[in-house]
Amino acid sequence: AITLVQAENYDALGEKEKALLYFNILTDVLNAGDDEKVGYSWLRRGEICADLGRDEEALQFFNYFLQMYENADPAFQTWIERAKSGRAEVFSRLN
């Protein structure tokens, strides 16, 4: 089974396409259950797409994540700030 740790390891090794594939699969598999891991996967998909220069996709992932966490517990503020920062960076590249 694919895990978040495996996806993060691929990213750390610079294998961003494989990391993105793993996060894509995780998002689909986890959608029925673990909201926290699903949200994290959406955030990471945005970050990795931004790293790969896939800005339109990155914006979609960041926006979706921010919609999911619009009224989130303060414990998720770090993730929210990462998504907002990533979205702003991508948006500035597109304009």
N, C-alpha and C. Protein backbone atom coordinates (compact mmCIF):
# COMPACT_ATOMS: atom_id res chain seq x y z
N ALA A 1 0.84 -1.19 0.00
CA ALA A 1 0.00 0.00 0.00
C ALA A 1 0.89 1.25 0.00
N ILE A 2 0.45 2.24 -0.71
CA ILE A 2 1.16 3.51 -0.79
C ILE A 2 0.92 4.31 0.48
N THR A 3 1.98 4.96 0.98
CA THR A 3 1.85 5.75 2.20
C THR A 3 2.34 7.18 1.97
N LEU A 4 1.96 8.06 2.88
CA LEU A 4 2.44 9.44 2.83
C LEU A 4 3.97 9.48 2.94
N VAL A 5 4.53 8.61 3.75
CA VAL A 5 5.98 8.58 3.93
C VAL A 5 6.67 8.26 2.61
N GLN A 6 6.14 7.30 1.87
CA GLN A 6 6.73 6.97 0.57
C GLN A 6 6.66 8.16 -0.38
N ALA A 7 5.52 8.83 -0.41
CA ALA A 7 5.37 9.99 -1.28
C ALA A 7 6.37 11.08 -0.90
N GLU A 8 6.50 11.35 0.39
CA GLU A 8 7.45 12.36 0.85
C GLU A 8 8.90 11.95 0.53
N ASN A 9 9.19 10.67 0.67
CA ASN A 9 10.55 10.19 0.37
C ASN A 9 10.89 10.41 -1.10
N TYR A 10 9.95 10.13 -1.99
CA TYR A 10 10.21 10.38 -3.41
C TYR A 10 10.46 11.86 -3.67
N ASP A 11 9.70 12.71 -3.01
CA ASP A 11 9.91 14.15 -3.17
C ASP A 11 11.29 14.54 -2.66
N ALA A 12 11.67 14.02 -1.49
CA ALA A 12 12.97 14.34 -0.91
C ALA A 12 14.12 13.87 -1.79
N LEU A 13 13.90 12.81 -2.54
CA LEU A 13 14.92 12.29 -3.45
C LEU A 13 14.93 13.01 -4.79
N GLY A 14 14.02 13.99 -4.94
CA GLY A 14 13.96 14.75 -6.17
C GLY A 14 13.12 14.08 -7.25
N GLU A 15 12.45 13.00 -6.91
CA GLU A 15 11.59 12.29 -7.86
C GLU A 15 10.18 12.84 -7.75
N LYS A 16 10.03 14.08 -8.19
CA LYS A 16 8.79 14.81 -7.98
C LYS A 16 7.60 14.21 -8.74
N GLU A 17 7.83 13.74 -9.95
CA GLU A 17 6.73 13.13 -10.71
C GLU A 17 6.19 11.90 -9.99
N LYS A 18 7.09 11.09 -9.46
CA LYS A 18 6.66 9.89 -8.73
C LYS A 18 5.98 10.29 -7.42
N ALA A 19 6.51 11.29 -6.74
CA ALA A 19 5.87 11.78 -5.52
C ALA A 19 4.46 12.28 -5.82
N LEU A 20 4.32 13.03 -6.91
CA LEU A 20 3.01 13.54 -7.29
C LEU A 20 2.05 12.40 -7.59
N LEU A 21 2.52 11.39 -8.30
CA LEU A 21 1.69 10.22 -8.58
C LEU A 21 1.22 9.57 -7.28
N TYR A 22 2.11 9.41 -6.33
CA TYR A 22 1.74 8.81 -5.05
C TYR A 22 0.72 9.67 -4.31
N PHE A 23 0.93 10.99 -4.28
CA PHE A 23 -0.05 11.84 -3.62
C PHE A 23 -1.39 11.82 -4.34
N ASN A 24 -1.37 11.72 -5.68
CA ASN A 24 -2.63 11.61 -6.43
C ASN A 24 -3.39 10.35 -6.03
N ILE A 25 -2.66 9.24 -5.97
CA ILE A 25 -3.28 7.97 -5.59
C ILE A 25 -3.80 8.04 -4.16
N LEU A 26 -2.98 8.59 -3.27
CA LEU A 26 -3.40 8.70 -1.87
C LEU A 26 -4.67 9.53 -1.72
N THR A 27 -4.75 10.62 -2.45
CA THR A 27 -5.94 11.47 -2.37
C THR A 27 -7.18 10.68 -2.78
N ASP A 28 -7.06 9.90 -3.86
CA ASP A 28 -8.19 9.09 -4.32
C ASP A 28 -8.55 8.00 -3.32
N VAL A 29 -7.54 7.31 -2.80
CA VAL A 29 -7.77 6.20 -1.88
C VAL A 29 -8.31 6.69 -0.54
N LEU A 30 -7.78 7.81 -0.05
CA LEU A 30 -8.14 8.29 1.28
C LEU A 30 -9.43 9.11 1.29
N ASN A 31 -9.93 9.50 0.13
CA ASN A 31 -11.09 10.40 0.07
C ASN A 31 -12.26 9.93 0.91
N ALA A 32 -12.39 8.65 1.09
CA ALA A 32 -13.53 8.13 1.84
C ALA A 32 -13.31 8.16 3.35
N GLY A 33 -12.09 8.54 3.78
CA GLY A 33 -11.85 8.39 5.20
C GLY A 33 -11.12 9.51 5.90
N ASP A 34 -9.84 9.48 5.88
CA ASP A 34 -8.99 10.32 6.72
C ASP A 34 -8.87 11.73 6.15
N ASP A 35 -9.70 12.64 6.63
CA ASP A 35 -9.74 14.00 6.10
C ASP A 35 -8.41 14.73 6.24
N GLU A 36 -7.71 14.50 7.34
CA GLU A 36 -6.44 15.20 7.55
C GLU A 36 -5.40 14.79 6.51
N LYS A 37 -5.29 13.50 6.25
CA LYS A 37 -4.33 13.03 5.24
C LYS A 37 -4.75 13.45 3.84
N VAL A 38 -6.04 13.47 3.58
CA VAL A 38 -6.53 13.93 2.28
C VAL A 38 -6.16 15.40 2.08
N GLY A 39 -6.42 16.21 3.08
CA GLY A 39 -6.08 17.63 2.99
C GLY A 39 -4.60 17.84 2.77
N TYR A 40 -3.78 17.12 3.53
CA TYR A 40 -2.34 17.23 3.38
C TYR A 40 -1.92 16.82 1.97
N SER A 41 -2.53 15.79 1.44
CA SER A 41 -2.20 15.34 0.08
C SER A 41 -2.54 16.41 -0.95
N TRP A 42 -3.66 17.10 -0.77
CA TRP A 42 -4.02 18.19 -1.70
C TRP A 42 -2.98 19.31 -1.62
N LEU A 43 -2.57 19.65 -0.40
CA LEU A 43 -1.55 20.68 -0.22
C LEU A 43 -0.25 20.28 -0.92
N ARG A 44 0.19 19.06 -0.69
CA ARG A 44 1.45 18.61 -1.28
C ARG A 44 1.37 18.52 -2.80
N ARG A 45 0.21 18.16 -3.33
CA ARG A 45 0.05 18.14 -4.78
C ARG A 45 0.25 19.54 -5.34
N GLY A 46 -0.29 20.54 -4.66
CA GLY A 46 -0.09 21.93 -5.09
C GLY A 46 1.37 22.33 -5.05
N GLU A 47 2.04 21.99 -3.96
CA GLU A 47 3.45 22.35 -3.81
C GLU A 47 4.32 21.66 -4.87
N ILE A 48 4.07 20.40 -5.11
CA ILE A 48 4.89 19.67 -6.08
C ILE A 48 4.63 20.17 -7.49
N CYS A 49 3.36 20.40 -7.83
CA CYS A 49 3.06 20.95 -9.16
C CYS A 49 3.73 22.31 -9.34
N ALA A 50 3.73 23.12 -8.30
CA ALA A 50 4.41 24.42 -8.37
C ALA A 50 5.90 24.22 -8.61
N ASP A 51 6.51 23.27 -7.92
CA ASP A 51 7.93 22.97 -8.12
C ASP A 51 8.22 22.53 -9.55
N LEU A 52 7.27 21.82 -10.14
CA LEU A 52 7.44 21.31 -11.49
C LEU A 52 7.08 22.33 -12.57
N GLY A 53 6.61 23.51 -12.14
CA GLY A 53 6.21 24.53 -13.10
C GLY A 53 4.84 24.29 -13.72
N ARG A 54 4.08 23.41 -13.13
CA ARG A 54 2.73 23.11 -13.60
C ARG A 54 1.77 24.02 -12.83
N ASP A 55 1.86 25.31 -13.15
CA ASP A 55 1.21 26.34 -12.35
C ASP A 55 -0.31 26.27 -12.33
N GLU A 56 -0.93 25.97 -13.46
CA GLU A 56 -2.40 25.89 -13.48
C GLU A 56 -2.89 24.79 -12.54
N GLU A 57 -2.23 23.64 -12.60
CA GLU A 57 -2.60 22.54 -11.71
C GLU A 57 -2.34 22.92 -10.25
N ALA A 58 -1.20 23.55 -10.01
CA ALA A 58 -0.86 23.96 -8.65
C ALA A 58 -1.94 24.87 -8.08
N LEU A 59 -2.39 25.83 -8.88
CA LEU A 59 -3.45 26.73 -8.41
C LEU A 59 -4.72 25.97 -8.06
N GLN A 60 -5.07 25.01 -8.90
CA GLN A 60 -6.27 24.22 -8.62
C GLN A 60 -6.14 23.48 -7.29
N PHE A 61 -4.99 22.87 -7.07
CA PHE A 61 -4.79 22.12 -5.83
C PHE A 61 -4.77 23.03 -4.61
N PHE A 62 -4.06 24.16 -4.71
CA PHE A 62 -4.04 25.11 -3.60
C PHE A 62 -5.45 25.65 -3.30
N ASN A 63 -6.18 26.02 -4.34
CA ASN A 63 -7.53 26.55 -4.14
C ASN A 63 -8.45 25.51 -3.52
N TYR A 64 -8.36 24.28 -3.99
CA TYR A 64 -9.20 23.23 -3.42
C TYR A 64 -8.85 23.01 -1.96
N PHE A 65 -7.56 22.95 -1.67
CA PHE A 65 -7.13 22.78 -0.28
C PHE A 65 -7.68 23.91 0.59
N LEU A 66 -7.54 25.15 0.13
CA LEU A 66 -7.99 26.29 0.93
C LEU A 66 -9.50 26.30 1.11
N GLN A 67 -10.25 25.79 0.14
CA GLN A 67 -11.69 25.66 0.32
C GLN A 67 -12.00 24.62 1.39
N MET A 68 -11.26 23.50 1.36
CA MET A 68 -11.47 22.44 2.36
C MET A 68 -11.19 22.94 3.77
N TYR A 69 -10.19 23.81 3.90
CA TYR A 69 -9.73 24.24 5.22
C TYR A 69 -10.17 25.67 5.55
N GLU A 70 -11.21 26.13 4.89
CA GLU A 70 -11.69 27.50 5.08
C GLU A 70 -12.03 27.80 6.54
N ASN A 71 -12.64 26.87 7.22
CA ASN A 71 -13.02 27.06 8.63
C ASN A 71 -12.28 26.08 9.53
N ALA A 72 -11.03 25.83 9.20
CA ALA A 72 -10.25 24.80 9.90
C ALA A 72 -9.84 25.22 11.29
N ASP A 73 -9.58 24.23 12.07
CA ASP A 73 -9.03 24.37 13.40
C ASP A 73 -7.69 25.13 13.30
N PRO A 74 -7.37 25.97 14.27
CA PRO A 74 -6.10 26.70 14.25
C PRO A 74 -4.87 25.80 14.14
N ALA A 75 -5.00 24.54 14.49
CA ALA A 75 -3.87 23.61 14.41
C ALA A 75 -3.39 23.45 12.97
N PHE A 76 -4.24 23.77 12.01
CA PHE A 76 -3.87 23.63 10.60
C PHE A 76 -3.39 24.93 9.99
N GLN A 77 -3.15 25.94 10.79
CA GLN A 77 -2.76 27.25 10.28
C GLN A 77 -1.46 27.20 9.47
N THR A 78 -0.52 26.39 9.89
CA THR A 78 0.74 26.27 9.15
C THR A 78 0.49 25.77 7.73
N TRP A 79 -0.36 24.77 7.58
CA TRP A 79 -0.70 24.26 6.25
C TRP A 79 -1.39 25.33 5.43
N ILE A 80 -2.31 26.04 6.06
CA ILE A 80 -3.06 27.09 5.35
C ILE A 80 -2.10 28.17 4.86
N GLU A 81 -1.16 28.57 5.69
CA GLU A 81 -0.18 29.58 5.29
C GLU A 81 0.70 29.06 4.14
N ARG A 82 1.08 27.80 4.19
CA ARG A 82 1.86 27.22 3.09
C ARG A 82 1.07 27.28 1.79
N ALA A 83 -0.21 26.94 1.85
CA ALA A 83 -1.04 26.95 0.64
C ALA A 83 -1.23 28.37 0.12
N LYS A 84 -1.46 29.32 1.01
CA LYS A 84 -1.63 30.71 0.58
C LYS A 84 -0.34 31.25 -0.03
N SER A 85 0.79 30.93 0.57
CA SER A 85 2.08 31.38 0.06
C SER A 85 2.37 30.75 -1.30
N GLY A 86 2.13 29.45 -1.42
CA GLY A 86 2.34 28.77 -2.68
C GLY A 86 1.44 29.31 -3.78
N ARG A 87 0.18 29.56 -3.43
CA ARG A 87 -0.77 30.10 -4.40
C ARG A 87 -0.32 31.48 -4.87
N ALA A 88 0.12 32.32 -3.94
CA ALA A 88 0.57 33.66 -4.30
C ALA A 88 1.78 33.62 -5.22
N GLU A 89 2.72 32.72 -4.92
CA GLU A 89 3.91 32.59 -5.75
C GLU A 89 3.55 32.14 -7.17
N VAL A 90 2.67 31.15 -7.26
CA VAL A 90 2.25 30.64 -8.57
C VAL A 90 1.48 31.72 -9.33
N PHE A 91 0.59 32.38 -8.62
CA PHE A 91 -0.22 33.43 -9.25
C PHE A 91 0.67 34.54 -9.82
N SER A 92 1.73 34.89 -9.09
CA SER A 92 2.63 35.94 -9.56
C SER A 92 3.38 35.50 -10.82
N ARG A 93 3.66 34.23 -10.93
CA ARG A 93 4.34 33.72 -12.13
C ARG A 93 3.39 33.75 -13.34
N LEU A 94 2.12 33.57 -13.10
CA LEU A 94 1.15 33.53 -14.20
C LEU A 94 0.76 34.92 -14.69
N ASN A 95 1.02 35.93 -13.87
CA ASN A 95 0.59 37.31 -14.25
C ASN A 95 1.74 38.23 -14.46
